[in-house]
Amino acid sequence: MDSVKRLAAPADPDDGVFRFRQAISRFSTGVAVITTRTVDGPAGMTASAVASLSMDPLQLLVCIGSNLPTCKAITEAGSFAVNVLGEDHEHLARHFATRRKDKFSGVELRPDSDVPVLADAIAHFVCSVADTLPGGDHTIIVGDVLTCDHVPGTNPLVYFASAFGTLHDPAAAGGWHFASAM
């Protein structure tokens, strides 16, 4: 453990937040749109804090800012979908990351699901809320996976160092590599 560099306690608490954001940006993540249906219609947001949790039962988790309308909508609805975005979907990631009155205007949904599933998603998971846990300023939502599917032969949209990019299939590209979309 002596070889591990430790951050000195910042003199200014905001400096620690800045350094944390810089450091965590080096952790590449997939990009997803989390959706649910409310009495007022569909709700959704872009998220990168999504993870597989359990194979028995099939579960995943999403972490959503506790103050965001989508967090409240999911907990009230009791169900949600994780829509995994593909390499050509940066526009959807940016669209759902902004505050706007109707995020679903002009966005095609699959007709076979009560929970909104994006027609362009390269994979999706429809879940019922199994549990919610506090996580600082976020809520950790555990979902029991009810249905899921994927589109073979697609490449993911990836977020790394505050930029969107993609990974290419190693069989098709001679090994995994990150290609910046910017």
N, C-alpha and C. Protein backbone atom coordinates (compact mmCIF):
# COMPACT_ATOMS: atom_id res chain seq x y z
N MET A 1 0.81 -1.19 0.00
CA MET A 1 0.00 0.00 0.00
C MET A 1 0.86 1.26 0.00
N ASP A 2 2.15 1.15 0.36
CA ASP A 2 2.99 2.34 0.39
C ASP A 2 3.21 2.94 -0.99
N SER A 3 3.07 2.14 -2.04
CA SER A 3 3.30 2.66 -3.39
C SER A 3 2.09 3.39 -3.96
N VAL A 4 0.97 3.37 -3.26
CA VAL A 4 -0.23 4.05 -3.74
C VAL A 4 -0.13 5.53 -3.40
N LYS A 5 -0.25 6.37 -4.43
CA LYS A 5 -0.23 7.81 -4.20
C LYS A 5 -1.57 8.23 -3.65
N ARG A 6 -1.56 8.98 -2.61
CA ARG A 6 -2.78 9.47 -2.01
C ARG A 6 -2.88 10.96 -2.25
N LEU A 7 -4.11 11.42 -2.47
CA LEU A 7 -4.34 12.85 -2.64
C LEU A 7 -4.22 13.53 -1.30
N ALA A 8 -3.52 14.64 -1.28
CA ALA A 8 -3.47 15.44 -0.06
C ALA A 8 -4.83 16.08 0.13
N ALA A 9 -5.24 16.26 1.37
CA ALA A 9 -6.51 16.92 1.62
C ALA A 9 -6.47 18.33 1.04
N PRO A 10 -7.43 18.67 0.17
CA PRO A 10 -7.40 19.99 -0.45
C PRO A 10 -7.70 21.08 0.57
N ALA A 11 -7.02 22.22 0.40
CA ALA A 11 -7.27 23.36 1.28
C ALA A 11 -8.68 23.89 1.04
N ASP A 12 -9.13 23.83 -0.19
CA ASP A 12 -10.45 24.29 -0.57
C ASP A 12 -11.29 23.07 -0.93
N PRO A 13 -12.44 22.84 -0.27
CA PRO A 13 -13.25 21.65 -0.57
C PRO A 13 -13.63 21.54 -2.05
N ASP A 14 -13.83 22.66 -2.72
CA ASP A 14 -14.17 22.62 -4.14
C ASP A 14 -13.04 22.04 -4.96
N ASP A 15 -11.79 22.21 -4.51
CA ASP A 15 -10.65 21.65 -5.23
C ASP A 15 -10.73 20.13 -5.24
N GLY A 16 -11.18 19.52 -4.17
CA GLY A 16 -11.35 18.07 -4.11
C GLY A 16 -12.39 17.59 -5.08
N VAL A 17 -13.47 18.34 -5.23
CA VAL A 17 -14.51 17.99 -6.19
C VAL A 17 -13.95 18.07 -7.60
N PHE A 18 -13.21 19.13 -7.89
CA PHE A 18 -12.60 19.29 -9.22
C PHE A 18 -11.66 18.13 -9.52
N ARG A 19 -10.79 17.79 -8.57
CA ARG A 19 -9.85 16.69 -8.79
C ARG A 19 -10.57 15.36 -8.92
N PHE A 20 -11.64 15.16 -8.15
CA PHE A 20 -12.42 13.93 -8.27
C PHE A 20 -13.02 13.83 -9.67
N ARG A 21 -13.61 14.93 -10.14
CA ARG A 21 -14.22 14.90 -11.48
C ARG A 21 -13.16 14.63 -12.55
N GLN A 22 -12.00 15.20 -12.41
CA GLN A 22 -10.93 14.96 -13.38
C GLN A 22 -10.49 13.49 -13.34
N ALA A 23 -10.33 12.96 -12.15
CA ALA A 23 -9.88 11.58 -12.01
C ALA A 23 -10.95 10.59 -12.50
N ILE A 24 -12.21 10.80 -12.13
CA ILE A 24 -13.25 9.86 -12.52
C ILE A 24 -13.52 9.93 -14.01
N SER A 25 -13.18 11.04 -14.65
CA SER A 25 -13.38 11.14 -16.10
C SER A 25 -12.45 10.18 -16.85
N ARG A 26 -11.45 9.67 -16.18
CA ARG A 26 -10.54 8.70 -16.80
C ARG A 26 -11.12 7.29 -16.76
N PHE A 27 -12.26 7.12 -16.12
CA PHE A 27 -12.96 5.84 -16.09
C PHE A 27 -13.98 5.87 -17.22
N SER A 28 -13.73 5.10 -18.27
CA SER A 28 -14.66 5.12 -19.40
C SER A 28 -15.95 4.40 -19.03
N THR A 29 -17.06 4.92 -19.53
CA THR A 29 -18.36 4.33 -19.26
C THR A 29 -19.18 4.27 -20.54
N GLY A 30 -20.13 3.37 -20.54
CA GLY A 30 -21.12 3.38 -21.60
C GLY A 30 -22.10 4.51 -21.33
N VAL A 31 -22.92 4.80 -22.32
CA VAL A 31 -23.90 5.87 -22.19
C VAL A 31 -25.28 5.28 -22.41
N ALA A 32 -26.20 5.63 -21.52
CA ALA A 32 -27.56 5.10 -21.60
C ALA A 32 -28.57 6.21 -21.36
N VAL A 33 -29.77 6.00 -21.81
CA VAL A 33 -30.90 6.86 -21.47
C VAL A 33 -31.82 6.04 -20.58
N ILE A 34 -32.09 6.58 -19.40
CA ILE A 34 -32.96 5.92 -18.43
C ILE A 34 -34.35 6.51 -18.62
N THR A 35 -35.35 5.66 -18.81
CA THR A 35 -36.70 6.14 -19.09
C THR A 35 -37.72 5.49 -18.16
N THR A 36 -38.84 6.16 -18.02
CA THR A 36 -39.97 5.63 -17.28
C THR A 36 -41.23 6.29 -17.82
N ARG A 37 -42.37 5.80 -17.37
CA ARG A 37 -43.64 6.41 -17.79
C ARG A 37 -44.35 6.91 -16.55
N THR A 38 -44.81 8.16 -16.62
CA THR A 38 -45.56 8.77 -15.53
C THR A 38 -47.00 9.00 -15.99
N VAL A 39 -47.84 9.45 -15.09
CA VAL A 39 -49.21 9.78 -15.47
C VAL A 39 -49.24 10.93 -16.47
N ASP A 40 -48.19 11.75 -16.48
CA ASP A 40 -48.09 12.88 -17.41
C ASP A 40 -47.38 12.53 -18.71
N GLY A 41 -46.94 11.28 -18.85
CA GLY A 41 -46.24 10.86 -20.06
C GLY A 41 -44.85 10.34 -19.73
N PRO A 42 -44.04 10.11 -20.77
CA PRO A 42 -42.71 9.55 -20.53
C PRO A 42 -41.75 10.57 -19.92
N ALA A 43 -40.77 10.04 -19.17
CA ALA A 43 -39.71 10.86 -18.57
C ALA A 43 -38.40 10.14 -18.81
N GLY A 44 -37.31 10.90 -18.91
CA GLY A 44 -36.03 10.24 -19.13
C GLY A 44 -34.85 11.17 -19.01
N MET A 45 -33.68 10.58 -18.93
CA MET A 45 -32.43 11.33 -18.78
C MET A 45 -31.25 10.48 -19.23
N THR A 46 -30.16 11.14 -19.58
CA THR A 46 -28.92 10.46 -19.93
C THR A 46 -28.20 10.09 -18.65
N ALA A 47 -27.59 8.90 -18.64
CA ALA A 47 -26.85 8.44 -17.47
C ALA A 47 -25.67 7.58 -17.90
N SER A 48 -24.64 7.60 -17.09
CA SER A 48 -23.51 6.71 -17.33
C SER A 48 -23.26 5.82 -16.12
N ALA A 49 -23.95 6.07 -15.02
CA ALA A 49 -23.78 5.27 -13.81
C ALA A 49 -24.79 4.13 -13.82
N VAL A 50 -24.48 3.11 -14.62
CA VAL A 50 -25.31 1.91 -14.78
C VAL A 50 -24.38 0.72 -14.60
N ALA A 51 -24.83 -0.29 -13.90
CA ALA A 51 -23.98 -1.47 -13.70
C ALA A 51 -24.81 -2.73 -13.53
N SER A 52 -24.26 -3.84 -13.98
CA SER A 52 -24.82 -5.14 -13.71
C SER A 52 -24.64 -5.40 -12.22
N LEU A 53 -25.65 -5.98 -11.57
CA LEU A 53 -25.57 -6.21 -10.14
C LEU A 53 -25.61 -7.70 -9.80
N SER A 54 -26.54 -8.45 -10.39
CA SER A 54 -26.74 -9.84 -9.98
C SER A 54 -27.27 -10.67 -11.15
N MET A 55 -26.85 -11.93 -11.18
CA MET A 55 -27.38 -12.87 -12.17
C MET A 55 -28.52 -13.71 -11.60
N ASP A 56 -28.61 -13.79 -10.27
CA ASP A 56 -29.67 -14.55 -9.63
C ASP A 56 -30.11 -13.84 -8.36
N PRO A 57 -31.14 -13.01 -8.43
CA PRO A 57 -31.97 -12.72 -9.59
C PRO A 57 -31.26 -11.75 -10.56
N LEU A 58 -31.77 -11.67 -11.79
CA LEU A 58 -31.22 -10.73 -12.76
C LEU A 58 -31.50 -9.31 -12.29
N GLN A 59 -30.43 -8.57 -11.97
CA GLN A 59 -30.58 -7.21 -11.48
C GLN A 59 -29.49 -6.32 -12.05
N LEU A 60 -29.84 -5.04 -12.18
CA LEU A 60 -28.86 -4.01 -12.49
C LEU A 60 -29.15 -2.83 -11.59
N LEU A 61 -28.26 -1.87 -11.61
CA LEU A 61 -28.49 -0.66 -10.83
C LEU A 61 -28.19 0.56 -11.66
N VAL A 62 -28.89 1.63 -11.33
CA VAL A 62 -28.63 2.94 -11.91
C VAL A 62 -28.50 3.93 -10.76
N CYS A 63 -27.64 4.91 -10.93
CA CYS A 63 -27.47 5.95 -9.92
C CYS A 63 -27.92 7.26 -10.54
N ILE A 64 -28.88 7.91 -9.90
CA ILE A 64 -29.50 9.12 -10.44
C ILE A 64 -29.51 10.19 -9.37
N GLY A 65 -29.19 11.41 -9.76
CA GLY A 65 -29.25 12.54 -8.84
C GLY A 65 -30.60 12.58 -8.15
N SER A 66 -30.60 12.59 -6.82
CA SER A 66 -31.84 12.52 -6.05
C SER A 66 -32.78 13.69 -6.32
N ASN A 67 -32.23 14.82 -6.73
CA ASN A 67 -33.06 16.00 -6.98
C ASN A 67 -33.62 16.06 -8.39
N LEU A 68 -33.30 15.10 -9.25
CA LEU A 68 -33.75 15.14 -10.63
C LEU A 68 -35.17 14.61 -10.77
N PRO A 69 -35.96 15.20 -11.66
CA PRO A 69 -37.34 14.74 -11.85
C PRO A 69 -37.43 13.26 -12.25
N THR A 70 -36.46 12.76 -13.01
CA THR A 70 -36.52 11.35 -13.44
C THR A 70 -36.39 10.41 -12.26
N CYS A 71 -35.62 10.78 -11.25
CA CYS A 71 -35.48 9.94 -10.06
C CYS A 71 -36.83 9.78 -9.37
N LYS A 72 -37.51 10.88 -9.15
CA LYS A 72 -38.83 10.83 -8.52
C LYS A 72 -39.81 10.06 -9.41
N ALA A 73 -39.75 10.28 -10.71
CA ALA A 73 -40.66 9.60 -11.63
C ALA A 73 -40.48 8.08 -11.58
N ILE A 74 -39.24 7.63 -11.53
CA ILE A 74 -38.97 6.18 -11.49
C ILE A 74 -39.47 5.57 -10.19
N THR A 75 -39.19 6.22 -9.08
CA THR A 75 -39.63 5.65 -7.80
C THR A 75 -41.15 5.63 -7.70
N GLU A 76 -41.82 6.62 -8.26
CA GLU A 76 -43.29 6.64 -8.25
C GLU A 76 -43.87 5.62 -9.22
N ALA A 77 -43.26 5.47 -10.40
CA ALA A 77 -43.77 4.55 -11.41
C ALA A 77 -43.51 3.09 -11.04
N GLY A 78 -42.38 2.83 -10.37
CA GLY A 78 -42.04 1.46 -9.99
C GLY A 78 -41.40 0.65 -11.10
N SER A 79 -41.13 1.29 -12.24
CA SER A 79 -40.48 0.59 -13.35
C SER A 79 -39.68 1.60 -14.18
N PHE A 80 -38.71 1.07 -14.92
CA PHE A 80 -37.87 1.92 -15.76
C PHE A 80 -37.19 1.07 -16.81
N ALA A 81 -36.60 1.74 -17.79
CA ALA A 81 -35.81 1.05 -18.81
C ALA A 81 -34.44 1.71 -18.90
N VAL A 82 -33.46 0.89 -19.16
CA VAL A 82 -32.11 1.35 -19.46
C VAL A 82 -31.92 1.12 -20.97
N ASN A 83 -31.71 2.20 -21.70
CA ASN A 83 -31.54 2.16 -23.15
C ASN A 83 -30.08 2.44 -23.46
N VAL A 84 -29.33 1.44 -23.90
CA VAL A 84 -27.90 1.58 -24.19
C VAL A 84 -27.75 2.23 -25.56
N LEU A 85 -26.97 3.30 -25.61
CA LEU A 85 -26.80 4.04 -26.86
C LEU A 85 -25.63 3.51 -27.68
N GLY A 86 -25.78 3.59 -28.99
CA GLY A 86 -24.75 3.16 -29.92
C GLY A 86 -23.89 4.32 -30.39
N GLU A 87 -22.86 3.99 -31.13
CA GLU A 87 -21.86 4.97 -31.56
C GLU A 87 -22.43 6.15 -32.32
N ASP A 88 -23.57 6.01 -32.96
CA ASP A 88 -24.18 7.10 -33.73
C ASP A 88 -25.24 7.86 -32.95
N HIS A 89 -25.28 7.69 -31.64
CA HIS A 89 -26.36 8.26 -30.84
C HIS A 89 -25.93 9.39 -29.91
N GLU A 90 -24.84 10.05 -30.22
CA GLU A 90 -24.43 11.18 -29.38
C GLU A 90 -25.54 12.22 -29.29
N HIS A 91 -26.26 12.42 -30.39
CA HIS A 91 -27.37 13.39 -30.39
C HIS A 91 -28.43 13.02 -29.35
N LEU A 92 -28.71 11.72 -29.18
CA LEU A 92 -29.68 11.29 -28.17
C LEU A 92 -29.13 11.51 -26.76
N ALA A 93 -27.85 11.24 -26.56
CA ALA A 93 -27.23 11.47 -25.26
C ALA A 93 -27.34 12.94 -24.87
N ARG A 94 -27.02 13.81 -25.80
CA ARG A 94 -27.09 15.25 -25.52
C ARG A 94 -28.54 15.71 -25.36
N HIS A 95 -29.43 15.17 -26.17
CA HIS A 95 -30.85 15.53 -26.12
C HIS A 95 -31.44 15.23 -24.74
N PHE A 96 -31.19 14.03 -24.22
CA PHE A 96 -31.76 13.65 -22.93
C PHE A 96 -30.97 14.20 -21.74
N ALA A 97 -29.81 14.79 -22.00
CA ALA A 97 -29.02 15.39 -20.92
C ALA A 97 -29.43 16.83 -20.64
N THR A 98 -30.27 17.40 -21.49
CA THR A 98 -30.69 18.79 -21.31
C THR A 98 -32.08 18.85 -20.71
N ARG A 99 -32.33 19.94 -20.03
CA ARG A 99 -33.68 20.16 -19.48
C ARG A 99 -34.54 20.72 -20.62
N ARG A 100 -35.63 20.07 -20.86
CA ARG A 100 -36.59 20.53 -21.86
C ARG A 100 -37.95 19.99 -21.50
N LYS A 101 -38.98 20.65 -22.00
CA LYS A 101 -40.34 20.30 -21.64
C LYS A 101 -40.71 18.88 -22.11
N ASP A 102 -40.48 18.57 -23.38
CA ASP A 102 -40.84 17.26 -23.90
C ASP A 102 -39.62 16.61 -24.53
N LYS A 103 -38.88 15.83 -23.75
CA LYS A 103 -37.68 15.18 -24.24
C LYS A 103 -37.98 14.10 -25.28
N PHE A 104 -39.21 13.65 -25.36
CA PHE A 104 -39.55 12.54 -26.24
C PHE A 104 -40.10 13.00 -27.60
N SER A 105 -40.22 14.30 -27.78
CA SER A 105 -40.70 14.82 -29.06
C SER A 105 -39.70 14.46 -30.16
N GLY A 106 -40.17 13.76 -31.17
CA GLY A 106 -39.31 13.36 -32.29
C GLY A 106 -38.46 12.13 -32.03
N VAL A 107 -38.61 11.50 -30.86
CA VAL A 107 -37.83 10.30 -30.52
C VAL A 107 -38.73 9.08 -30.71
N GLU A 108 -38.28 8.15 -31.54
CA GLU A 108 -39.07 6.96 -31.82
C GLU A 108 -38.93 5.94 -30.68
N LEU A 109 -40.08 5.41 -30.25
CA LEU A 109 -40.11 4.41 -29.19
C LEU A 109 -40.58 3.08 -29.75
N ARG A 110 -40.15 2.01 -29.12
CA ARG A 110 -40.63 0.67 -29.51
C ARG A 110 -42.09 0.56 -29.09
N PRO A 111 -42.94 0.01 -29.93
CA PRO A 111 -44.36 -0.08 -29.60
C PRO A 111 -44.71 -1.24 -28.67
N ASP A 112 -43.77 -2.15 -28.40
CA ASP A 112 -44.06 -3.37 -27.65
C ASP A 112 -43.77 -3.29 -26.16
N SER A 113 -43.63 -2.07 -25.61
CA SER A 113 -43.28 -1.94 -24.19
C SER A 113 -44.09 -0.84 -23.54
N ASP A 114 -44.59 -1.11 -22.33
CA ASP A 114 -45.30 -0.08 -21.56
C ASP A 114 -44.33 0.98 -21.06
N VAL A 115 -43.12 0.56 -20.71
CA VAL A 115 -42.08 1.49 -20.31
C VAL A 115 -41.42 1.98 -21.60
N PRO A 116 -41.14 3.29 -21.73
CA PRO A 116 -40.55 3.78 -22.97
C PRO A 116 -39.18 3.14 -23.25
N VAL A 117 -39.07 2.49 -24.40
CA VAL A 117 -37.81 1.91 -24.87
C VAL A 117 -37.48 2.60 -26.20
N LEU A 118 -36.31 3.19 -26.29
CA LEU A 118 -35.90 3.89 -27.50
C LEU A 118 -35.71 2.89 -28.64
N ALA A 119 -36.32 3.19 -29.78
CA ALA A 119 -36.23 2.30 -30.94
C ALA A 119 -34.78 2.16 -31.41
N ASP A 120 -33.96 3.20 -31.22
CA ASP A 120 -32.57 3.18 -31.69
C ASP A 120 -31.58 2.56 -30.70
N ALA A 121 -32.02 2.18 -29.52
CA ALA A 121 -31.10 1.62 -28.52
C ALA A 121 -30.44 0.35 -29.06
N ILE A 122 -29.14 0.17 -28.78
CA ILE A 122 -28.46 -1.05 -29.21
C ILE A 122 -28.67 -2.20 -28.23
N ALA A 123 -29.15 -1.86 -27.04
CA ALA A 123 -29.56 -2.85 -26.03
C ALA A 123 -30.52 -2.13 -25.09
N HIS A 124 -31.40 -2.90 -24.49
CA HIS A 124 -32.30 -2.30 -23.51
C HIS A 124 -32.63 -3.32 -22.42
N PHE A 125 -32.97 -2.80 -21.27
CA PHE A 125 -33.35 -3.59 -20.10
C PHE A 125 -34.59 -2.93 -19.51
N VAL A 126 -35.67 -3.65 -19.42
CA VAL A 126 -36.87 -3.13 -18.76
C VAL A 126 -36.89 -3.75 -17.37
N CYS A 127 -37.04 -2.90 -16.37
CA CYS A 127 -36.89 -3.33 -14.97
C CYS A 127 -38.04 -2.86 -14.10
N SER A 128 -38.31 -3.61 -13.04
CA SER A 128 -39.16 -3.13 -11.96
C SER A 128 -38.22 -2.71 -10.84
N VAL A 129 -38.62 -1.70 -10.11
CA VAL A 129 -37.79 -1.21 -9.00
C VAL A 129 -37.83 -2.23 -7.87
N ALA A 130 -36.67 -2.77 -7.54
CA ALA A 130 -36.56 -3.74 -6.45
C ALA A 130 -36.23 -3.04 -5.14
N ASP A 131 -35.43 -1.96 -5.23
CA ASP A 131 -35.00 -1.27 -4.02
C ASP A 131 -34.43 0.08 -4.40
N THR A 132 -34.42 0.99 -3.47
CA THR A 132 -33.72 2.27 -3.62
C THR A 132 -32.86 2.46 -2.38
N LEU A 133 -31.67 2.98 -2.61
CA LEU A 133 -30.72 3.18 -1.52
C LEU A 133 -30.13 4.58 -1.62
N PRO A 134 -29.84 5.21 -0.48
CA PRO A 134 -29.20 6.51 -0.55
C PRO A 134 -27.74 6.36 -0.98
N GLY A 135 -27.27 7.33 -1.75
CA GLY A 135 -25.89 7.34 -2.19
C GLY A 135 -25.39 8.77 -2.27
N GLY A 136 -25.23 9.42 -1.13
CA GLY A 136 -24.83 10.83 -1.15
C GLY A 136 -25.92 11.67 -1.78
N ASP A 137 -25.55 12.44 -2.80
CA ASP A 137 -26.55 13.28 -3.48
C ASP A 137 -27.28 12.52 -4.59
N HIS A 138 -27.05 11.22 -4.68
CA HIS A 138 -27.72 10.37 -5.66
C HIS A 138 -28.57 9.30 -4.97
N THR A 139 -29.47 8.72 -5.75
CA THR A 139 -30.24 7.56 -5.31
C THR A 139 -29.81 6.38 -6.15
N ILE A 140 -29.51 5.29 -5.51
CA ILE A 140 -29.14 4.05 -6.19
C ILE A 140 -30.44 3.26 -6.36
N ILE A 141 -30.81 3.04 -7.60
CA ILE A 141 -32.05 2.31 -7.89
C ILE A 141 -31.68 0.92 -8.39
N VAL A 142 -32.10 -0.09 -7.66
CA VAL A 142 -31.87 -1.48 -8.04
C VAL A 142 -33.09 -1.94 -8.82
N GLY A 143 -32.83 -2.49 -10.00
CA GLY A 143 -33.92 -2.97 -10.84
C GLY A 143 -33.87 -4.46 -11.07
N ASP A 144 -35.02 -5.11 -10.92
CA ASP A 144 -35.17 -6.51 -11.34
C ASP A 144 -35.41 -6.49 -12.84
N VAL A 145 -34.56 -7.14 -13.61
CA VAL A 145 -34.69 -7.13 -15.07
C VAL A 145 -35.85 -8.04 -15.47
N LEU A 146 -36.84 -7.44 -16.13
CA LEU A 146 -38.02 -8.18 -16.59
C LEU A 146 -37.81 -8.69 -18.01
N THR A 147 -37.27 -7.84 -18.87
CA THR A 147 -36.96 -8.21 -20.25
C THR A 147 -35.71 -7.44 -20.67
N CYS A 148 -35.00 -8.01 -21.63
CA CYS A 148 -33.86 -7.32 -22.20
C CYS A 148 -33.58 -7.88 -23.59
N ASP A 149 -32.87 -7.10 -24.38
CA ASP A 149 -32.51 -7.53 -25.73
C ASP A 149 -31.38 -6.64 -26.22
N HIS A 150 -30.78 -7.05 -27.33
CA HIS A 150 -29.70 -6.25 -27.92
C HIS A 150 -29.70 -6.43 -29.44
N VAL A 151 -28.98 -5.52 -30.10
CA VAL A 151 -28.82 -5.58 -31.55
C VAL A 151 -27.41 -6.07 -31.82
N PRO A 152 -27.24 -7.26 -32.38
CA PRO A 152 -25.89 -7.78 -32.65
C PRO A 152 -25.14 -6.89 -33.66
N GLY A 153 -23.82 -6.88 -33.53
CA GLY A 153 -22.98 -6.18 -34.49
C GLY A 153 -22.95 -4.67 -34.35
N THR A 154 -23.34 -4.15 -33.18
CA THR A 154 -23.34 -2.70 -32.97
C THR A 154 -22.22 -2.31 -32.03
N ASN A 155 -21.77 -1.08 -32.14
CA ASN A 155 -20.72 -0.54 -31.27
C ASN A 155 -21.32 0.48 -30.31
N PRO A 156 -20.82 0.52 -29.07
CA PRO A 156 -21.40 1.40 -28.06
C PRO A 156 -20.93 2.84 -28.17
N LEU A 157 -21.75 3.75 -27.65
CA LEU A 157 -21.31 5.11 -27.40
C LEU A 157 -20.62 5.07 -26.04
N VAL A 158 -19.44 5.67 -25.96
CA VAL A 158 -18.63 5.64 -24.73
C VAL A 158 -18.33 7.07 -24.32
N TYR A 159 -18.24 7.29 -23.01
CA TYR A 159 -17.89 8.60 -22.47
C TYR A 159 -16.57 8.46 -21.72
N PHE A 160 -15.57 9.25 -22.15
CA PHE A 160 -14.24 9.19 -21.55
C PHE A 160 -13.61 10.57 -21.63
N ALA A 161 -13.05 11.04 -20.53
CA ALA A 161 -12.35 12.33 -20.46
C ALA A 161 -13.24 13.46 -20.99
N SER A 162 -14.51 13.43 -20.60
CA SER A 162 -15.50 14.45 -20.96
C SER A 162 -15.77 14.53 -22.46
N ALA A 163 -15.60 13.41 -23.16
CA ALA A 163 -15.85 13.37 -24.59
C ALA A 163 -16.57 12.06 -24.94
N PHE A 164 -17.37 12.12 -25.99
CA PHE A 164 -18.02 10.92 -26.51
C PHE A 164 -17.11 10.26 -27.54
N GLY A 165 -17.21 8.95 -27.61
CA GLY A 165 -16.45 8.19 -28.59
C GLY A 165 -17.09 6.82 -28.72
N THR A 166 -16.35 5.88 -29.25
CA THR A 166 -16.87 4.53 -29.40
C THR A 166 -15.75 3.52 -29.26
N LEU A 167 -16.11 2.29 -29.05
CA LEU A 167 -15.19 1.17 -29.09
C LEU A 167 -15.57 0.35 -30.31
N HIS A 168 -14.59 -0.20 -30.95
CA HIS A 168 -14.87 -1.04 -32.11
C HIS A 168 -14.58 -2.49 -31.77
N ASP A 169 -15.38 -3.38 -32.31
CA ASP A 169 -15.26 -4.82 -32.09
C ASP A 169 -13.85 -5.28 -32.43
N PRO A 170 -13.19 -5.99 -31.51
CA PRO A 170 -11.82 -6.41 -31.78
C PRO A 170 -11.71 -7.35 -32.98
N ALA A 171 -12.73 -8.15 -33.23
CA ALA A 171 -12.69 -9.06 -34.38
C ALA A 171 -12.72 -8.28 -35.70
N ALA A 172 -13.39 -7.14 -35.69
CA ALA A 172 -13.52 -6.35 -36.91
C ALA A 172 -12.40 -5.31 -37.05
N ALA A 173 -11.82 -4.90 -35.94
CA ALA A 173 -10.87 -3.78 -35.98
C ALA A 173 -9.46 -4.15 -35.53
N GLY A 174 -9.17 -5.42 -35.31
CA GLY A 174 -7.82 -5.80 -34.89
C GLY A 174 -7.52 -5.48 -33.44
N GLY A 175 -8.51 -5.39 -32.60
CA GLY A 175 -8.32 -5.10 -31.17
C GLY A 175 -9.17 -3.91 -30.76
N TRP A 176 -9.53 -3.87 -29.49
CA TRP A 176 -10.35 -2.76 -28.99
C TRP A 176 -9.56 -1.47 -29.09
N HIS A 177 -10.24 -0.42 -29.52
CA HIS A 177 -9.65 0.92 -29.45
C HIS A 177 -10.74 1.94 -29.33
N PHE A 178 -10.41 3.05 -28.71
CA PHE A 178 -11.34 4.16 -28.49
C PHE A 178 -11.19 5.12 -29.65
N ALA A 179 -12.30 5.46 -30.28
CA ALA A 179 -12.29 6.44 -31.36
C ALA A 179 -13.13 7.63 -30.92
N SER A 180 -12.50 8.76 -30.74
CA SER A 180 -13.22 9.94 -30.28
C SER A 180 -14.21 10.41 -31.32
N ALA A 181 -15.39 10.77 -30.86
CA ALA A 181 -16.42 11.29 -31.75
C ALA A 181 -16.26 12.78 -31.96
N MET A 182 -15.40 13.41 -31.18
CA MET A 182 -15.23 14.87 -31.29
C MET A 182 -14.01 15.22 -32.09
